[in-house]
Amino acid sequence: MTATPNRPLPGTSPRWSTDVVRTADREEAQQEISQVFSPHTLQVVGPGQDLDVALRARRTDSITVADIRHGTEVVVRPGRLRSYYEINVPLRGHTRSQCGPDEIESSSGRAAVLTPTEESSMQWSADCAQLAVKVSRHVVERTVEAALGVPPDEAVHFAVGFDLTGSPGRNWLRAVLLLRDAVDSGAPDLVLRPLEELVVGQLLTAQPNNFSDRLLHDAARPARPRMLSRVIDVIDADPAAAHTVSDLARVAGTSVRSLQAAFSEHLGLTPMEYLRRVRLSRAHQDLQKAVPGDGLSVADIAFRWGFGHVPRFAAAYRERYGQLPSQTLRT
């Protein structure tokens, strides 16, 4: 096996690193690819002597663009991806992908989108080579929040089958290839960051998801009143503070009733619902970023973001993210 793990590409942003793996050993392939994506099992279905794994992955904490093949028919079972979305684009051959109750066959012109909260598996044909794009769940949710002006109230769920023959799908794939080529050519952050944002933004607009209608509708929504923006800025700057509706109304320079009406009209929420959603979003980010040995507990993070009752925080978190905060902390 040859492997070049976690090394910045010459001349490019230090945020980006590259992993190059070449091996004919199943266990080594499973171990190395698990480090780039997530723990999974690799089952060789075709002739074992034909296994010839080649991986080139360019990655940051937010996004990974990888070329990968196995050389023989295999089944890959990552289970729940939890922290990221994976979009697999066959460059040749085909795959049969299952994500939750949905199963599709993808080949040239049709990709598969795997969602973090569903069990997933993939069967690769012997001749299959894919472009695998890994996008952090946090980045997807942050992009939705930037577009809607409010943290999303549920996980983003994409349709599994992704048509790359129409204009939206072609534009998304073009953005991915531009990003891949820019990284490989040593482009600076000035070039790479807009391309990263383009890949995520076009994914949200090109591929049907449970936020599609809201993203399209809110794009045409009138600008928020200045007084509403002031309140949102205060909440976003310090969501853990002991905000009350009366305090926020004073910040806005209006009555409680007028503030509630403005939140309802422009965000579809009450001020306290918005505050709670921001707190949950910040706690979710901290739980995802926590590392073993830092001593942080669920209670520590809950208290940090203004939740005074841990069981109620856990219930709200589970309703929002589909798992207990302790599960996010462990993974």
Protein backbone atom coordinates (compact mmCIF):
# COMPACT_ATOMS: atom_id res chain seq x y z
CA MET A 1 0.00 0.00 0.00
CA THR A 2 1.07 3.57 -0.63
CA ALA A 3 -0.58 6.34 1.34
CA THR A 4 -0.01 10.05 1.71
CA PRO A 5 -2.26 11.07 4.59
CA ASN A 6 -3.35 14.50 5.71
CA ARG A 7 -0.71 16.63 3.96
CA PRO A 8 -1.36 20.14 2.61
CA LEU A 9 -1.14 20.31 -1.15
CA PRO A 10 1.87 22.33 -2.42
CA GLY A 11 1.08 26.02 -2.82
CA THR A 12 -2.55 25.79 -1.81
CA SER A 13 -4.53 26.70 1.28
CA PRO A 14 -3.30 25.04 4.49
CA ARG A 15 -6.94 24.18 5.19
CA TRP A 16 -6.82 21.60 2.39
CA SER A 17 -4.99 18.29 2.68
CA THR A 18 -4.74 15.30 0.38
CA ASP A 19 -4.87 11.56 1.02
CA VAL A 20 -3.57 9.18 -1.64
CA VAL A 21 -4.14 5.46 -1.07
CA ARG A 22 -3.26 2.52 -3.30
CA THR A 23 -3.66 -0.99 -1.91
CA ALA A 24 -4.78 -4.52 -2.75
CA ASP A 25 -5.40 -5.39 0.90
CA ARG A 26 -9.04 -5.24 2.03
CA GLU A 27 -8.35 -4.42 5.67
CA GLU A 28 -5.92 -1.65 4.81
CA ALA A 29 -8.36 -0.20 2.31
CA GLN A 30 -11.17 -0.27 4.84
CA GLN A 31 -9.00 1.41 7.47
CA GLU A 32 -7.60 4.14 5.23
CA ILE A 33 -10.89 5.04 3.56
CA SER A 34 -12.64 5.05 6.95
CA GLN A 35 -10.25 7.81 8.04
CA VAL A 36 -11.27 9.96 5.08
CA PHE A 37 -15.02 9.32 5.24
CA SER A 38 -16.32 7.41 8.29
CA PRO A 39 -16.03 3.91 9.77
CA HIS A 40 -17.53 1.33 7.43
CA THR A 41 -17.25 -2.29 6.43
CA LEU A 42 -15.85 -3.24 3.03
CA GLN A 43 -17.05 -6.59 1.66
CA VAL A 44 -15.35 -7.96 -1.44
CA VAL A 45 -17.98 -9.66 -3.61
CA GLY A 46 -15.98 -10.13 -6.81
CA PRO A 47 -12.67 -12.00 -7.20
CA GLY A 48 -10.46 -11.05 -4.26
CA GLN A 49 -7.33 -11.08 -6.39
CA ASP A 50 -8.79 -8.25 -8.49
CA LEU A 51 -9.07 -5.87 -5.52
CA ASP A 52 -7.06 -2.77 -6.45
CA VAL A 53 -8.15 0.22 -4.40
CA ALA A 54 -7.12 3.69 -5.53
CA LEU A 55 -8.17 6.82 -3.64
CA ARG A 56 -7.21 10.45 -4.06
CA ALA A 57 -9.09 12.66 -1.60
CA ARG A 58 -8.80 16.42 -1.27
CA ARG A 59 -10.40 17.56 1.96
CA THR A 60 -11.07 20.16 4.60
CA ASP A 61 -13.23 19.91 7.72
CA SER A 62 -16.15 21.11 5.58
CA ILE A 63 -15.88 19.29 2.27
CA THR A 64 -14.09 16.38 0.61
CA VAL A 65 -13.75 15.67 -3.10
CA ALA A 66 -12.37 12.20 -3.80
CA ASP A 67 -11.69 9.99 -6.80
CA ILE A 68 -12.08 6.35 -5.79
CA ARG A 69 -12.28 2.86 -7.29
CA HIS A 70 -11.98 -0.68 -5.94
CA GLY A 71 -11.10 -2.79 -9.02
CA THR A 72 -13.65 -5.49 -8.21
CA GLU A 73 -17.25 -5.72 -7.09
CA VAL A 74 -17.64 -4.62 -3.47
CA VAL A 75 -20.31 -3.71 -0.93
CA VAL A 76 -19.64 -0.72 1.32
CA ARG A 77 -21.71 -0.37 4.50
CA PRO A 78 -21.12 2.89 6.42
CA GLY A 79 -24.42 2.74 8.33
CA ARG A 80 -25.48 6.24 9.41
CA LEU A 81 -23.09 8.92 8.19
CA ARG A 82 -24.28 11.17 11.05
CA SER A 83 -22.06 14.22 10.47
CA TYR A 84 -22.04 14.57 6.68
CA TYR A 85 -23.83 14.11 3.36
CA GLU A 86 -22.23 12.01 0.65
CA ILE A 87 -22.88 12.47 -3.07
CA ASN A 88 -21.50 9.65 -5.21
CA VAL A 89 -21.08 10.34 -8.93
CA PRO A 90 -20.19 7.28 -11.06
CA LEU A 91 -17.61 8.24 -13.67
CA ARG A 92 -17.83 4.73 -15.10
CA GLY A 93 -19.65 1.56 -14.08
CA HIS A 94 -22.60 1.72 -11.72
CA THR A 95 -23.64 1.42 -8.09
CA ARG A 96 -26.76 0.32 -6.27
CA SER A 97 -27.25 2.58 -3.27
CA GLN A 98 -29.64 2.25 -0.36
CA CYS A 99 -30.42 5.13 1.99
CA GLY A 100 -33.15 4.44 4.50
CA PRO A 101 -36.13 2.93 2.65
CA ASP A 102 -34.97 4.21 -0.77
CA GLU A 103 -32.84 2.24 -3.20
CA ILE A 104 -31.56 3.48 -6.58
CA GLU A 105 -29.11 2.44 -9.26
CA SER A 106 -26.76 5.19 -10.34
CA SER A 107 -24.51 5.40 -13.37
CA SER A 108 -23.28 8.09 -15.73
CA GLY A 109 -25.73 11.00 -15.48
CA ARG A 110 -27.25 9.93 -12.17
CA ALA A 111 -25.67 10.31 -8.73
CA ALA A 112 -26.76 9.07 -5.31
CA VAL A 113 -27.16 11.38 -2.31
CA LEU A 114 -26.81 9.77 1.13
CA THR A 115 -28.34 11.53 4.14
CA PRO A 116 -26.64 11.51 7.59
CA THR A 117 -29.66 10.31 9.57
CA GLU A 118 -30.46 7.18 7.51
CA GLU A 119 -28.75 3.79 7.31
CA SER A 120 -26.93 3.50 3.98
CA SER A 121 -25.03 0.96 1.90
CA MET A 122 -23.58 0.78 -1.62
CA GLN A 123 -22.80 -2.03 -4.02
CA TRP A 124 -20.16 -1.08 -6.59
CA SER A 125 -19.78 -2.84 -9.93
CA ALA A 126 -16.30 -4.19 -10.68
CA ASP A 127 -15.57 -1.43 -13.20
CA CYS A 128 -17.02 1.37 -11.07
CA ALA A 129 -15.01 4.54 -10.47
CA GLN A 130 -16.68 7.40 -8.63
CA LEU A 131 -16.31 11.01 -7.66
CA ALA A 132 -17.32 11.01 -3.99
CA VAL A 133 -18.24 14.38 -2.48
CA LYS A 134 -18.54 14.63 1.30
CA VAL A 135 -20.21 17.77 2.67
CA SER A 136 -20.38 18.52 6.39
CA ARG A 137 -23.87 18.55 7.83
CA HIS A 138 -22.95 21.69 9.75
CA VAL A 139 -22.03 23.50 6.50
CA VAL A 140 -25.30 22.49 4.85
CA GLU A 141 -27.33 23.70 7.83
CA ARG A 142 -25.30 26.90 8.08
CA THR A 143 -26.01 27.60 4.39
CA VAL A 144 -29.74 27.05 4.94
CA GLU A 145 -29.62 29.34 7.96
CA ALA A 146 -27.87 32.07 5.95
CA ALA A 147 -30.54 31.82 3.25
CA LEU A 148 -33.57 31.70 5.55
CA GLY A 149 -32.25 33.92 8.32
CA VAL A 150 -33.09 31.34 10.96
CA PRO A 151 -31.53 28.00 11.98
CA PRO A 152 -33.31 25.11 10.23
CA ASP A 153 -36.01 23.45 12.31
CA GLU A 154 -35.17 19.93 11.06
CA ALA A 155 -32.40 18.04 9.32
CA VAL A 156 -32.03 18.59 5.58
CA HIS A 157 -33.20 15.51 3.67
CA PHE A 158 -32.36 15.23 -0.02
CA ALA A 159 -33.95 12.91 -2.55
CA VAL A 160 -31.56 10.00 -3.07
CA GLY A 161 -31.46 10.01 -6.89
CA PHE A 162 -29.66 13.06 -8.32
CA ASP A 163 -30.20 13.79 -12.03
CA LEU A 164 -27.00 15.20 -13.52
CA THR A 165 -28.30 15.47 -17.09
CA GLY A 166 -30.46 18.56 -16.52
CA SER A 167 -29.09 22.07 -16.18
CA PRO A 168 -29.18 22.22 -12.30
CA GLY A 169 -27.35 18.91 -11.91
CA ARG A 170 -24.81 19.76 -14.60
CA ASN A 171 -24.10 23.10 -12.95
CA TRP A 172 -23.52 21.41 -9.58
CA LEU A 173 -21.15 18.83 -11.08
CA ARG A 174 -19.31 21.58 -12.96
CA ALA A 175 -18.80 23.42 -9.66
CA VAL A 176 -17.40 20.24 -8.04
CA LEU A 177 -14.96 19.70 -10.90
CA LEU A 178 -13.89 23.34 -10.77
CA LEU A 179 -13.19 22.96 -7.04
CA ARG A 180 -11.30 19.69 -7.54
CA ASP A 181 -9.15 21.16 -10.30
CA ALA A 182 -8.51 24.35 -8.34
CA VAL A 183 -7.28 22.37 -5.33
CA ASP A 184 -5.07 20.18 -7.52
CA SER A 185 -3.55 23.24 -9.19
CA GLY A 186 -2.66 24.85 -5.84
CA ALA A 187 -5.21 27.67 -5.92
CA PRO A 188 -5.31 30.02 -2.90
CA ASP A 189 -8.19 30.46 -0.45
CA LEU A 190 -9.35 33.50 -2.41
CA VAL A 191 -10.37 31.08 -5.17
CA LEU A 192 -11.26 28.00 -3.13
CA ARG A 193 -13.71 29.44 -0.59
CA PRO A 194 -16.20 30.79 -3.17
CA LEU A 195 -16.05 27.46 -5.00
CA GLU A 196 -16.79 25.57 -1.77
CA GLU A 197 -19.81 27.80 -1.15
CA LEU A 198 -20.91 27.32 -4.75
CA VAL A 199 -20.84 23.51 -4.41
CA VAL A 200 -23.03 23.59 -1.28
CA GLY A 201 -25.39 26.30 -2.52
CA GLN A 202 -25.96 24.58 -5.86
CA LEU A 203 -26.54 21.25 -4.13
CA LEU A 204 -29.36 22.83 -2.10
CA THR A 205 -30.94 24.40 -5.18
CA ALA A 206 -30.31 21.60 -7.69
CA GLN A 207 -31.36 18.58 -5.64
CA PRO A 208 -34.93 18.38 -4.24
CA ASN A 209 -35.01 18.49 -0.45
CA ASN A 210 -37.39 19.32 2.38
CA PHE A 211 -36.25 22.97 2.35
CA SER A 212 -36.56 23.54 -1.41
CA ASP A 213 -39.87 25.44 -1.25
CA ARG A 214 -38.73 27.59 1.65
CA LEU A 215 -35.40 28.42 0.01
CA LEU A 216 -37.11 29.48 -3.22
CA HIS A 217 -39.89 31.35 -1.42
CA ASP A 218 -37.61 33.21 0.99
CA ALA A 219 -35.32 34.32 -1.83
CA ALA A 220 -38.08 36.67 -2.92
CA ARG A 221 -39.10 37.76 0.59
CA PRO A 222 -38.83 41.51 1.30
CA ALA A 223 -35.95 42.72 3.44
CA ARG A 224 -36.48 42.54 7.19
CA PRO A 225 -37.38 45.65 9.14
CA ARG A 226 -34.36 47.25 10.80
CA MET A 227 -35.80 46.73 14.26
CA LEU A 228 -36.11 42.98 13.61
CA SER A 229 -32.51 42.80 12.38
CA ARG A 230 -31.34 44.55 15.57
CA VAL A 231 -33.02 41.93 17.74
CA ILE A 232 -31.66 39.04 15.67
CA ASP A 233 -28.16 40.51 15.87
CA VAL A 234 -28.44 40.73 19.68
CA ILE A 235 -29.62 37.12 19.95
CA ASP A 236 -27.01 35.80 17.53
CA ALA A 237 -24.22 37.68 19.33
CA ASP A 238 -25.05 36.15 22.73
CA PRO A 239 -27.78 33.49 22.64
CA ALA A 240 -26.84 32.23 26.10
CA ALA A 241 -27.83 35.52 27.73
CA ALA A 242 -31.05 35.65 29.77
CA HIS A 243 -33.09 37.32 27.04
CA THR A 244 -36.78 38.07 27.66
CA VAL A 245 -39.38 39.24 25.16
CA SER A 246 -39.63 42.54 27.01
CA ASP A 247 -35.86 43.08 26.86
CA LEU A 248 -35.83 42.28 23.14
CA ALA A 249 -38.73 44.65 22.51
CA ARG A 250 -36.73 47.44 24.18
CA VAL A 251 -33.79 46.63 21.91
CA ALA A 252 -36.13 46.91 18.93
CA GLY A 253 -37.66 50.12 20.20
CA THR A 254 -41.16 48.72 19.84
CA SER A 255 -43.86 46.94 21.81
CA VAL A 256 -43.83 43.25 22.64
CA ARG A 257 -46.87 42.74 20.43
CA SER A 258 -45.26 44.49 17.44
CA LEU A 259 -42.05 42.50 17.88
CA GLN A 260 -43.95 39.22 17.98
CA ALA A 261 -45.89 40.21 14.87
CA ALA A 262 -42.65 41.03 13.02
CA PHE A 263 -41.07 37.69 13.95
CA SER A 264 -44.21 35.85 12.88
CA GLU A 265 -44.42 37.65 9.52
CA HIS A 266 -40.77 37.38 8.52
CA LEU A 267 -39.57 34.20 10.25
CA GLY A 268 -42.71 32.29 11.14
CA LEU A 269 -41.52 32.08 14.76
CA THR A 270 -41.94 33.83 18.07
CA PRO A 271 -38.84 35.61 19.45
CA MET A 272 -38.40 32.88 22.08
CA GLU A 273 -38.71 30.12 19.47
CA TYR A 274 -36.00 31.82 17.43
CA LEU A 275 -33.80 32.12 20.53
CA ARG A 276 -34.29 28.43 21.36
CA ARG A 277 -33.44 27.39 17.82
CA VAL A 278 -30.21 29.41 17.83
CA ARG A 279 -29.23 27.91 21.19
CA LEU A 280 -29.86 24.40 19.91
CA SER A 281 -27.82 25.11 16.79
CA ARG A 282 -24.85 26.39 18.81
CA ALA A 283 -25.05 23.43 21.21
CA HIS A 284 -25.18 21.06 18.23
CA GLN A 285 -22.03 22.62 16.79
CA ASP A 286 -20.19 22.24 20.11
CA LEU A 287 -21.29 18.62 20.50
CA GLN A 288 -20.03 17.84 17.00
CA LYS A 289 -16.68 19.56 17.58
CA ALA A 290 -16.02 18.03 21.01
CA VAL A 291 -13.06 15.64 21.13
CA PRO A 292 -12.29 12.84 23.60
CA GLY A 293 -10.37 14.06 26.58
CA ASP A 294 -11.59 17.65 26.60
CA GLY A 295 -13.79 16.88 29.61
CA LEU A 296 -16.96 18.40 28.17
CA SER A 297 -20.28 16.80 29.08
CA VAL A 298 -23.76 17.27 27.64
CA ALA A 299 -24.66 19.30 30.73
CA ASP A 300 -21.62 21.57 30.26
CA ILE A 301 -22.66 22.39 26.70
CA ALA A 302 -26.34 22.77 27.60
CA PHE A 303 -25.54 25.26 30.37
CA ARG A 304 -23.08 27.11 28.11
CA TRP A 305 -25.90 27.93 25.69
CA GLY A 306 -28.52 28.94 28.21
CA PHE A 307 -30.38 25.68 28.82
CA GLY A 308 -30.98 25.37 32.54
CA HIS A 309 -32.74 21.99 32.48
CA VAL A 310 -30.70 19.22 30.89
CA PRO A 311 -33.53 16.66 30.36
CA ARG A 312 -35.64 19.30 28.57
CA PHE A 313 -32.61 20.26 26.49
CA ALA A 314 -32.06 16.59 25.57
CA ALA A 315 -35.70 16.20 24.54
CA ALA A 316 -35.63 19.34 22.39
CA TYR A 317 -32.31 18.29 20.87
CA ARG A 318 -33.61 14.83 19.99
CA GLU A 319 -36.71 16.32 18.38
CA ARG A 320 -34.53 18.66 16.30
CA TYR A 321 -31.61 16.38 15.35
CA GLY A 322 -33.06 12.89 15.59
CA GLN A 323 -30.67 11.66 18.28
CA LEU A 324 -29.77 12.37 21.87
CA PRO A 325 -27.01 14.93 22.53
CA SER A 326 -24.99 12.18 24.21
CA GLN A 327 -25.00 10.25 20.90
CA THR A 328 -23.68 13.27 19.00
CA LEU A 329 -21.01 13.78 21.66
CA ARG A 330 -19.83 10.17 21.38
CA THR A 331 -19.62 10.24 17.57
